[in-house]
Amino acid sequence: MISNRISCLLGSAFALFTAASSQAADSAQEALEAANTEKAIYCMDLLENKLDVDKAAEECFGDPYIQHSPRLEDGRESVIALFRARAKKYPEYSARIVRSAANGDLVWLHMHVKRSPSERGGAVVNIFRMKDGKMVEHWNVGMPVPETSKNDNGMF
């Protein structure tokens, strides 16, 4: 009878420990995802709205930087050069982050981008893999905002 109680107590203690460990791991994962999302939003604001490419180059890009856009080479230099050229060519360039999400080390940003305030702009989804608070890998897709739509849902 005593051994049954001890077994029951040990089983209960193990279950509580496992649940507490799982909750701690979930909390740590949620904190990491929140920090990664916040950093990705901060970096895109520097690049797309403030046009502060120097600060973004210093604070936002890891090395190595893996690029999946077929228009750019791998490495920090290629993407930094793109943003420098864009800032010069389109000084009114802006981006509004409409949605964000994270899963593990990946962050998604759904954005409405415009080269000038008067244009419809485009819808872009950027996906970043984050490591140590820096963007180390990038995927993106985009499309122009059309003049008309076959539904009333809007792109954003």
N, C-alpha and C. Protein backbone atom coordinates (compact mmCIF):
# COMPACT_ATOMS: atom_id res chain seq x y z
N MET A 1 0.83 -1.19 0.00
CA MET A 1 0.00 0.00 0.00
C MET A 1 0.87 1.26 0.00
N ILE A 2 1.93 1.25 0.83
CA ILE A 2 2.83 2.40 0.87
C ILE A 2 3.55 2.54 -0.47
N SER A 3 3.94 1.42 -1.06
CA SER A 3 4.63 1.51 -2.35
C SER A 3 3.69 2.04 -3.43
N ASN A 4 2.40 1.73 -3.35
CA ASN A 4 1.43 2.29 -4.30
C ASN A 4 1.32 3.80 -4.13
N ARG A 5 1.31 4.26 -2.89
CA ARG A 5 1.23 5.71 -2.63
C ARG A 5 2.50 6.41 -3.13
N ILE A 6 3.63 5.79 -2.86
CA ILE A 6 4.90 6.38 -3.33
C ILE A 6 4.91 6.43 -4.85
N SER A 7 4.49 5.36 -5.49
CA SER A 7 4.42 5.33 -6.96
C SER A 7 3.47 6.41 -7.47
N CYS A 8 2.35 6.55 -6.81
CA CYS A 8 1.36 7.56 -7.20
C CYS A 8 1.93 8.96 -7.02
N LEU A 9 2.60 9.20 -5.89
CA LEU A 9 3.21 10.51 -5.63
C LEU A 9 4.32 10.80 -6.64
N LEU A 10 5.15 9.81 -6.92
CA LEU A 10 6.22 10.00 -7.90
C LEU A 10 5.64 10.28 -9.29
N GLY A 11 4.60 9.55 -9.64
CA GLY A 11 3.94 9.77 -10.93
C GLY A 11 3.35 11.17 -11.02
N SER A 12 2.72 11.62 -9.95
CA SER A 12 2.14 12.97 -9.93
C SER A 12 3.23 14.03 -10.01
N ALA A 13 4.32 13.81 -9.26
CA ALA A 13 5.43 14.77 -9.28
C ALA A 13 6.04 14.85 -10.68
N PHE A 14 6.20 13.70 -11.33
CA PHE A 14 6.75 13.67 -12.68
C PHE A 14 5.83 14.42 -13.65
N ALA A 15 4.53 14.19 -13.53
CA ALA A 15 3.56 14.86 -14.41
C ALA A 15 3.61 16.37 -14.21
N LEU A 16 3.68 16.82 -12.97
CA LEU A 16 3.77 18.26 -12.69
C LEU A 16 5.06 18.84 -13.23
N PHE A 17 6.17 18.13 -13.04
CA PHE A 17 7.47 18.59 -13.54
C PHE A 17 7.45 18.70 -15.07
N THR A 18 6.90 17.68 -15.71
CA THR A 18 6.81 17.68 -17.17
C THR A 18 5.95 18.84 -17.66
N ALA A 19 4.82 19.06 -17.03
CA ALA A 19 3.94 20.17 -17.42
C ALA A 19 4.63 21.51 -17.22
N ALA A 20 5.32 21.68 -16.09
CA ALA A 20 6.03 22.93 -15.81
C ALA A 20 7.15 23.14 -16.81
N SER A 21 7.88 22.08 -17.15
CA SER A 21 8.96 22.18 -18.13
C SER A 21 8.42 22.56 -19.49
N SER A 22 7.30 21.97 -19.87
CA SER A 22 6.68 22.26 -21.15
C SER A 22 6.21 23.71 -21.21
N GLN A 23 5.62 24.21 -20.12
CA GLN A 23 5.16 25.60 -20.08
C GLN A 23 6.35 26.55 -20.15
N ALA A 24 7.45 26.22 -19.48
CA ALA A 24 8.64 27.07 -19.52
C ALA A 24 9.20 27.11 -20.93
N ALA A 25 9.24 25.95 -21.60
CA ALA A 25 9.74 25.90 -22.97
C ALA A 25 8.82 26.70 -23.90
N ASP A 26 7.50 26.57 -23.72
CA ASP A 26 6.55 27.34 -24.52
C ASP A 26 6.75 28.84 -24.31
N SER A 27 6.93 29.25 -23.06
CA SER A 27 7.14 30.67 -22.75
C SER A 27 8.43 31.18 -23.38
N ALA A 28 9.49 30.38 -23.32
CA ALA A 28 10.76 30.79 -23.92
C ALA A 28 10.61 30.91 -25.43
N GLN A 29 9.89 29.96 -26.05
CA GLN A 29 9.68 29.99 -27.49
C GLN A 29 8.84 31.21 -27.88
N GLU A 30 7.80 31.50 -27.12
CA GLU A 30 6.96 32.67 -27.40
C GLU A 30 7.77 33.95 -27.25
N ALA A 31 8.63 34.02 -26.26
CA ALA A 31 9.47 35.22 -26.06
C ALA A 31 10.43 35.39 -27.22
N LEU A 32 11.04 34.29 -27.69
CA LEU A 32 11.95 34.36 -28.83
C LEU A 32 11.21 34.80 -30.08
N GLU A 33 10.04 34.25 -30.33
CA GLU A 33 9.26 34.63 -31.50
C GLU A 33 8.85 36.10 -31.44
N ALA A 34 8.47 36.58 -30.27
CA ALA A 34 8.10 37.99 -30.11
C ALA A 34 9.31 38.89 -30.35
N ALA A 35 10.46 38.51 -29.82
CA ALA A 35 11.68 39.31 -30.01
C ALA A 35 12.08 39.31 -31.48
N ASN A 36 12.00 38.16 -32.15
CA ASN A 36 12.35 38.09 -33.57
C ASN A 36 11.40 38.94 -34.41
N THR A 37 10.11 38.90 -34.10
CA THR A 37 9.13 39.70 -34.84
C THR A 37 9.40 41.19 -34.64
N GLU A 38 9.63 41.58 -33.40
CA GLU A 38 9.91 42.98 -33.10
C GLU A 38 11.16 43.46 -33.85
N LYS A 39 12.20 42.63 -33.88
CA LYS A 39 13.44 43.03 -34.56
C LYS A 39 13.23 43.11 -36.07
N ALA A 40 12.50 42.16 -36.65
CA ALA A 40 12.25 42.20 -38.10
C ALA A 40 11.44 43.45 -38.47
N ILE A 41 10.45 43.79 -37.67
CA ILE A 41 9.65 45.01 -37.91
C ILE A 41 10.54 46.25 -37.80
N TYR A 42 11.37 46.30 -36.78
CA TYR A 42 12.30 47.42 -36.59
C TYR A 42 13.22 47.56 -37.81
N CYS A 43 13.78 46.44 -38.26
CA CYS A 43 14.71 46.48 -39.39
C CYS A 43 14.02 46.93 -40.68
N MET A 44 12.82 46.42 -40.92
CA MET A 44 12.12 46.83 -42.13
C MET A 44 11.71 48.30 -42.07
N ASP A 45 11.40 48.80 -40.89
CA ASP A 45 11.10 50.22 -40.75
C ASP A 45 12.34 51.06 -41.08
N LEU A 46 13.50 50.63 -40.59
CA LEU A 46 14.74 51.34 -40.93
C LEU A 46 14.96 51.36 -42.43
N LEU A 47 14.77 50.22 -43.08
CA LEU A 47 15.07 50.09 -44.50
C LEU A 47 14.01 50.71 -45.40
N GLU A 48 12.74 50.52 -45.07
CA GLU A 48 11.66 50.88 -45.98
C GLU A 48 11.06 52.26 -45.72
N ASN A 49 11.12 52.74 -44.49
CA ASN A 49 10.50 54.03 -44.16
C ASN A 49 11.52 55.10 -43.79
N LYS A 50 12.42 54.77 -42.92
CA LYS A 50 13.43 55.75 -42.51
C LYS A 50 14.57 55.85 -43.51
N LEU A 51 14.69 54.84 -44.38
CA LEU A 51 15.73 54.78 -45.40
C LEU A 51 17.12 54.92 -44.77
N ASP A 52 17.28 54.39 -43.58
CA ASP A 52 18.56 54.43 -42.85
C ASP A 52 19.30 53.11 -43.08
N VAL A 53 19.85 52.99 -44.27
CA VAL A 53 20.49 51.75 -44.69
C VAL A 53 21.75 51.47 -43.87
N ASP A 54 22.50 52.52 -43.51
CA ASP A 54 23.72 52.32 -42.72
C ASP A 54 23.40 51.68 -41.37
N LYS A 55 22.40 52.20 -40.69
CA LYS A 55 22.03 51.65 -39.39
C LYS A 55 21.51 50.22 -39.54
N ALA A 56 20.70 49.99 -40.56
CA ALA A 56 20.17 48.64 -40.80
C ALA A 56 21.30 47.67 -41.14
N ALA A 57 22.27 48.12 -41.93
CA ALA A 57 23.40 47.26 -42.28
C ALA A 57 24.16 46.83 -41.03
N GLU A 58 24.28 47.73 -40.10
CA GLU A 58 25.01 47.45 -38.86
C GLU A 58 24.21 46.56 -37.90
N GLU A 59 22.91 46.81 -37.79
CA GLU A 59 22.11 46.17 -36.74
C GLU A 59 21.25 44.99 -37.18
N CYS A 60 21.04 44.82 -38.48
CA CYS A 60 19.98 43.91 -38.90
C CYS A 60 20.40 42.67 -39.68
N PHE A 61 21.52 42.69 -40.34
CA PHE A 61 21.89 41.58 -41.22
C PHE A 61 22.99 40.74 -40.61
N GLY A 62 22.73 39.43 -40.56
CA GLY A 62 23.74 38.50 -40.09
C GLY A 62 24.66 38.10 -41.23
N ASP A 63 25.70 37.38 -40.88
CA ASP A 63 26.65 36.90 -41.87
C ASP A 63 26.96 35.45 -41.55
N PRO A 64 26.69 34.53 -42.43
CA PRO A 64 26.27 34.73 -43.81
C PRO A 64 24.79 35.09 -43.92
N TYR A 65 24.44 35.71 -45.04
CA TYR A 65 23.07 36.09 -45.33
C TYR A 65 22.66 35.33 -46.58
N ILE A 66 21.66 34.48 -46.46
CA ILE A 66 21.20 33.64 -47.57
C ILE A 66 19.98 34.30 -48.21
N GLN A 67 20.06 34.50 -49.51
CA GLN A 67 19.02 35.21 -50.25
C GLN A 67 18.32 34.24 -51.21
N HIS A 68 17.00 34.20 -51.18
CA HIS A 68 16.25 33.34 -52.09
C HIS A 68 15.61 34.11 -53.24
N SER A 69 15.66 35.43 -53.22
CA SER A 69 15.14 36.21 -54.34
C SER A 69 16.06 35.99 -55.54
N PRO A 70 15.52 35.61 -56.69
CA PRO A 70 16.38 35.36 -57.85
C PRO A 70 17.03 36.62 -58.41
N ARG A 71 16.61 37.79 -57.95
CA ARG A 71 17.18 39.05 -58.43
C ARG A 71 18.43 39.46 -57.67
N LEU A 72 18.73 38.79 -56.55
CA LEU A 72 19.85 39.20 -55.71
C LEU A 72 20.79 38.03 -55.45
N GLU A 73 22.05 38.38 -55.27
CA GLU A 73 23.05 37.37 -54.90
C GLU A 73 22.97 37.11 -53.40
N ASP A 74 23.52 35.99 -52.98
CA ASP A 74 23.67 35.73 -51.55
C ASP A 74 24.59 36.78 -50.95
N GLY A 75 24.46 37.00 -49.66
CA GLY A 75 25.35 37.91 -48.95
C GLY A 75 24.70 39.23 -48.62
N ARG A 76 25.18 39.82 -47.55
CA ARG A 76 24.68 41.11 -47.06
C ARG A 76 24.85 42.22 -48.08
N GLU A 77 25.99 42.21 -48.77
CA GLU A 77 26.34 43.33 -49.66
C GLU A 77 25.30 43.55 -50.74
N SER A 78 24.78 42.47 -51.30
CA SER A 78 23.81 42.58 -52.39
C SER A 78 22.51 43.25 -51.92
N VAL A 79 21.98 42.81 -50.80
CA VAL A 79 20.72 43.38 -50.32
C VAL A 79 20.92 44.81 -49.82
N ILE A 80 22.04 45.08 -49.20
CA ILE A 80 22.33 46.45 -48.74
C ILE A 80 22.46 47.39 -49.93
N ALA A 81 23.12 46.94 -51.00
CA ALA A 81 23.25 47.75 -52.21
C ALA A 81 21.87 48.04 -52.81
N LEU A 82 20.98 47.04 -52.80
CA LEU A 82 19.62 47.24 -53.31
C LEU A 82 18.91 48.35 -52.53
N PHE A 83 18.99 48.31 -51.22
CA PHE A 83 18.29 49.32 -50.41
C PHE A 83 18.93 50.69 -50.55
N ARG A 84 20.24 50.76 -50.71
CA ARG A 84 20.89 52.07 -50.95
C ARG A 84 20.40 52.67 -52.27
N ALA A 85 20.36 51.86 -53.32
CA ALA A 85 19.90 52.34 -54.63
C ALA A 85 18.43 52.75 -54.57
N ARG A 86 17.62 51.97 -53.89
CA ARG A 86 16.20 52.28 -53.78
C ARG A 86 15.98 53.60 -53.03
N ALA A 87 16.72 53.82 -51.95
CA ALA A 87 16.57 55.05 -51.17
C ALA A 87 16.90 56.28 -52.01
N LYS A 88 17.90 56.15 -52.89
CA LYS A 88 18.26 57.28 -53.75
C LYS A 88 17.22 57.50 -54.85
N LYS A 89 16.76 56.41 -55.45
CA LYS A 89 15.83 56.52 -56.56
C LYS A 89 14.42 56.88 -56.12
N TYR A 90 14.01 56.38 -54.95
CA TYR A 90 12.64 56.60 -54.46
C TYR A 90 12.69 57.16 -53.03
N PRO A 91 12.98 58.44 -52.87
CA PRO A 91 13.11 59.00 -51.52
C PRO A 91 11.80 59.03 -50.73
N GLU A 92 10.66 58.82 -51.41
CA GLU A 92 9.37 58.78 -50.71
C GLU A 92 8.88 57.34 -50.50
N TYR A 93 9.74 56.38 -50.74
CA TYR A 93 9.38 54.97 -50.59
C TYR A 93 8.88 54.73 -49.17
N SER A 94 7.84 53.92 -49.06
CA SER A 94 7.31 53.60 -47.73
C SER A 94 6.71 52.20 -47.72
N ALA A 95 6.63 51.66 -46.53
CA ALA A 95 6.03 50.34 -46.35
C ALA A 95 5.22 50.34 -45.07
N ARG A 96 4.04 49.77 -45.16
CA ARG A 96 3.19 49.62 -43.98
C ARG A 96 3.06 48.13 -43.71
N ILE A 97 3.45 47.73 -42.53
CA ILE A 97 3.31 46.32 -42.16
C ILE A 97 1.88 46.10 -41.71
N VAL A 98 1.20 45.22 -42.41
CA VAL A 98 -0.22 44.97 -42.16
C VAL A 98 -0.40 43.81 -41.19
N ARG A 99 0.42 42.78 -41.37
CA ARG A 99 0.36 41.59 -40.51
C ARG A 99 1.76 41.07 -40.27
N SER A 100 1.91 40.41 -39.14
CA SER A 100 3.18 39.73 -38.86
C SER A 100 2.87 38.44 -38.12
N ALA A 101 3.75 37.49 -38.28
CA ALA A 101 3.61 36.21 -37.58
C ALA A 101 5.00 35.60 -37.45
N ALA A 102 5.13 34.73 -36.48
CA ALA A 102 6.41 34.04 -36.28
C ALA A 102 6.15 32.59 -35.93
N ASN A 103 7.10 31.77 -36.32
CA ASN A 103 7.09 30.36 -35.96
C ASN A 103 8.55 29.95 -35.83
N GLY A 104 8.96 29.68 -34.61
CA GLY A 104 10.36 29.33 -34.38
C GLY A 104 11.25 30.50 -34.75
N ASP A 105 12.23 30.26 -35.62
CA ASP A 105 13.15 31.33 -36.01
C ASP A 105 12.71 32.05 -37.29
N LEU A 106 11.50 31.77 -37.77
CA LEU A 106 10.98 32.42 -38.97
C LEU A 106 9.97 33.51 -38.62
N VAL A 107 10.07 34.64 -39.34
CA VAL A 107 9.14 35.76 -39.17
C VAL A 107 8.58 36.11 -40.55
N TRP A 108 7.25 36.30 -40.61
CA TRP A 108 6.56 36.72 -41.83
C TRP A 108 6.06 38.14 -41.63
N LEU A 109 6.26 38.97 -42.65
CA LEU A 109 5.72 40.33 -42.65
C LEU A 109 4.93 40.54 -43.94
N HIS A 110 3.63 40.82 -43.80
CA HIS A 110 2.76 41.14 -44.94
C HIS A 110 2.74 42.66 -45.02
N MET A 111 3.17 43.21 -46.16
CA MET A 111 3.40 44.64 -46.25
C MET A 111 2.71 45.26 -47.47
N HIS A 112 2.33 46.52 -47.30
CA HIS A 112 1.86 47.35 -48.41
C HIS A 112 2.98 48.35 -48.69
N VAL A 113 3.62 48.20 -49.85
CA VAL A 113 4.76 49.05 -50.18
C VAL A 113 4.38 50.02 -51.29
N LYS A 114 4.96 51.22 -51.22
CA LYS A 114 4.71 52.25 -52.23
C LYS A 114 6.01 52.99 -52.53
N ARG A 115 6.24 53.23 -53.81
CA ARG A 115 7.40 54.04 -54.20
C ARG A 115 7.14 55.53 -54.00
N SER A 116 5.86 55.90 -54.06
CA SER A 116 5.46 57.29 -53.80
C SER A 116 4.06 57.26 -53.19
N PRO A 117 3.69 58.31 -52.47
CA PRO A 117 2.38 58.32 -51.82
C PRO A 117 1.20 58.22 -52.79
N SER A 118 1.38 58.65 -54.04
CA SER A 118 0.26 58.70 -54.98
C SER A 118 -0.03 57.37 -55.68
N GLU A 119 0.84 56.41 -55.58
CA GLU A 119 0.59 55.15 -56.30
C GLU A 119 -0.12 54.11 -55.44
N ARG A 120 -0.72 53.12 -56.11
CA ARG A 120 -1.41 52.04 -55.39
C ARG A 120 -0.42 51.14 -54.67
N GLY A 121 0.74 50.95 -55.25
CA GLY A 121 1.78 50.17 -54.61
C GLY A 121 1.66 48.69 -54.85
N GLY A 122 2.26 47.93 -53.94
CA GLY A 122 2.29 46.49 -54.09
C GLY A 122 2.10 45.79 -52.76
N ALA A 123 1.71 44.54 -52.85
CA ALA A 123 1.61 43.68 -51.67
C ALA A 123 2.85 42.80 -51.66
N VAL A 124 3.53 42.75 -50.54
CA VAL A 124 4.76 41.96 -50.41
C VAL A 124 4.68 41.15 -49.13
N VAL A 125 5.11 39.92 -49.22
CA VAL A 125 5.30 39.10 -48.03
C VAL A 125 6.78 38.77 -47.95
N ASN A 126 7.42 39.21 -46.89
CA ASN A 126 8.81 38.88 -46.61
C ASN A 126 8.85 37.83 -45.53
N ILE A 127 9.71 36.86 -45.69
CA ILE A 127 9.94 35.84 -44.67
C ILE A 127 11.42 35.89 -44.33
N PHE A 128 11.70 36.02 -43.06
CA PHE A 128 13.09 36.07 -42.59
C PHE A 128 13.35 34.93 -41.62
N ARG A 129 14.52 34.34 -41.75
CA ARG A 129 15.01 33.45 -40.70
C ARG A 129 15.94 34.30 -39.85
N MET A 130 15.68 34.30 -38.56
CA MET A 130 16.43 35.13 -37.63
C MET A 130 17.42 34.27 -36.83
N LYS A 131 18.56 34.85 -36.53
CA LYS A 131 19.54 34.18 -35.68
C LYS A 131 20.27 35.25 -34.88
N ASP A 132 20.25 35.10 -33.58
CA ASP A 132 20.92 36.06 -32.69
C ASP A 132 20.47 37.49 -32.95
N GLY A 133 19.17 37.67 -33.21
CA GLY A 133 18.62 39.01 -33.40
C GLY A 133 18.92 39.64 -34.75
N LYS A 134 19.36 38.84 -35.71
CA LYS A 134 19.66 39.39 -37.04
C LYS A 134 19.00 38.53 -38.11
N MET A 135 18.72 39.17 -39.24
CA MET A 135 18.15 38.46 -40.38
C MET A 135 19.29 37.71 -41.07
N VAL A 136 19.13 36.40 -41.24
CA VAL A 136 20.20 35.60 -41.85
C VAL A 136 19.74 34.87 -43.12
N GLU A 137 18.44 34.90 -43.39
CA GLU A 137 17.92 34.27 -44.60
C GLU A 137 16.62 34.97 -44.97
N HIS A 138 16.36 35.06 -46.30
CA HIS A 138 15.22 35.85 -46.76
C HIS A 138 14.54 35.21 -47.97
N TRP A 139 13.22 35.18 -47.91
CA TRP A 139 12.36 34.80 -49.04
C TRP A 139 11.35 35.93 -49.19
N ASN A 140 10.87 36.18 -50.42
CA ASN A 140 9.78 37.14 -50.58
C ASN A 140 8.97 36.87 -51.83
N VAL A 141 7.74 37.32 -51.79
CA VAL A 141 6.85 37.29 -52.94
C VAL A 141 6.11 38.62 -52.96
N GLY A 142 5.74 39.06 -54.15
CA GLY A 142 5.03 40.33 -54.23
C GLY A 142 4.20 40.42 -55.49
N MET A 143 3.25 41.33 -55.44
CA MET A 143 2.42 41.60 -56.60
C MET A 143 1.88 43.01 -56.52
N PRO A 144 1.66 43.65 -57.67
CA PRO A 144 1.11 45.00 -57.65
C PRO A 144 -0.34 45.00 -57.16
N VAL A 145 -0.72 46.09 -56.54
CA VAL A 145 -2.13 46.27 -56.15
C VAL A 145 -2.87 46.66 -57.43
N PRO A 146 -3.85 45.86 -57.85
CA PRO A 146 -4.54 46.15 -59.10
C PRO A 146 -5.52 47.32 -58.95
N GLU A 147 -5.88 47.88 -60.09
CA GLU A 147 -6.85 48.98 -60.09
C GLU A 147 -8.23 48.48 -59.68
N THR A 148 -8.58 47.28 -60.11
CA THR A 148 -9.89 46.71 -59.76
C THR A 148 -9.69 45.30 -59.22
N SER A 149 -10.71 44.82 -58.51
CA SER A 149 -10.67 43.48 -57.93
C SER A 149 -12.00 42.79 -58.17
N LYS A 150 -11.99 41.49 -58.31
CA LYS A 150 -13.23 40.73 -58.50
C LYS A 150 -13.93 40.45 -57.18
N ASN A 151 -13.36 40.92 -56.07
CA ASN A 151 -14.02 40.76 -54.77
C ASN A 151 -13.85 42.06 -53.98
N ASP A 152 -14.54 42.16 -52.88
CA ASP A 152 -14.49 43.36 -52.05
C ASP A 152 -13.61 43.18 -50.81
N ASN A 153 -12.79 42.15 -50.80
CA ASN A 153 -12.00 41.84 -49.60
C ASN A 153 -10.76 42.70 -49.44
N GLY A 154 -10.22 43.22 -50.51
CA GLY A 154 -9.00 44.00 -50.44
C GLY A 154 -7.79 43.11 -50.22
N MET A 155 -6.63 43.62 -50.52
CA MET A 155 -5.40 42.85 -50.37
C MET A 155 -4.82 42.97 -48.98
N PHE A 156 -5.32 43.93 -48.21
CA PHE A 156 -4.74 44.18 -46.89
C PHE A 156 -5.80 44.11 -45.82
